[in-house]
Amino acid sequence: MLVCKFVIAVLNLKMLLIATLYSTTGRISCDKNVSATQS
């Protein structure tokens, strides 16, 4: 039971980390595109 909860927690953390990484990289690329179009 504890192992299952631990695995679920780790998976949730992984998903959260991936989501934050994707959002930050997406923002950076969007900022680059915006600055490129503005200049």
Protein backbone atom coordinates (compact mmCIF):
# COMPACT_ATOMS: atom_id res chain seq x y z
CA MET A 1 0.00 0.00 0.00
CA LEU A 2 2.74 2.46 0.97
CA VAL A 3 4.75 1.52 -2.10
CA CYS A 4 1.78 2.25 -4.36
CA LYS A 5 1.32 5.67 -2.76
CA PHE A 6 5.04 6.37 -3.12
CA VAL A 7 5.05 5.39 -6.80
CA ILE A 8 1.99 7.58 -7.46
CA ALA A 9 3.67 10.51 -5.69
CA VAL A 10 6.86 10.08 -7.75
CA LEU A 11 4.85 9.89 -10.98
CA ASN A 12 2.93 13.04 -10.01
CA LEU A 13 6.22 14.83 -9.29
CA LYS A 14 7.61 13.71 -12.65
CA MET A 15 4.52 14.96 -14.46
CA LEU A 16 4.71 18.28 -12.59
CA LEU A 17 8.40 18.65 -13.45
CA ILE A 18 7.79 17.85 -17.12
CA ALA A 19 4.85 20.28 -17.22
CA THR A 20 6.93 23.10 -15.71
CA LEU A 21 9.83 22.36 -18.06
CA TYR A 22 7.53 22.41 -21.09
CA SER A 23 5.84 25.64 -19.96
CA THR A 24 9.16 27.40 -19.32
CA THR A 25 10.68 26.28 -22.64
CA GLY A 26 7.46 27.25 -24.41
CA ARG A 27 7.58 30.70 -22.84
CA ILE A 28 11.22 31.16 -23.82
CA SER A 29 10.55 30.19 -27.44
CA CYS A 30 7.47 32.43 -27.51
CA ASP A 31 9.50 35.34 -26.11
CA LYS A 32 12.18 34.73 -28.75
CA ASN A 33 9.59 34.70 -31.52
CA VAL A 34 7.97 37.88 -30.21
CA SER A 35 11.30 39.71 -29.94
CA ALA A 36 12.28 38.51 -33.43
CA THR A 37 9.04 39.78 -34.97
CA GLN A 38 9.23 43.09 -33.11
CA SER A 39 12.83 43.89 -34.09
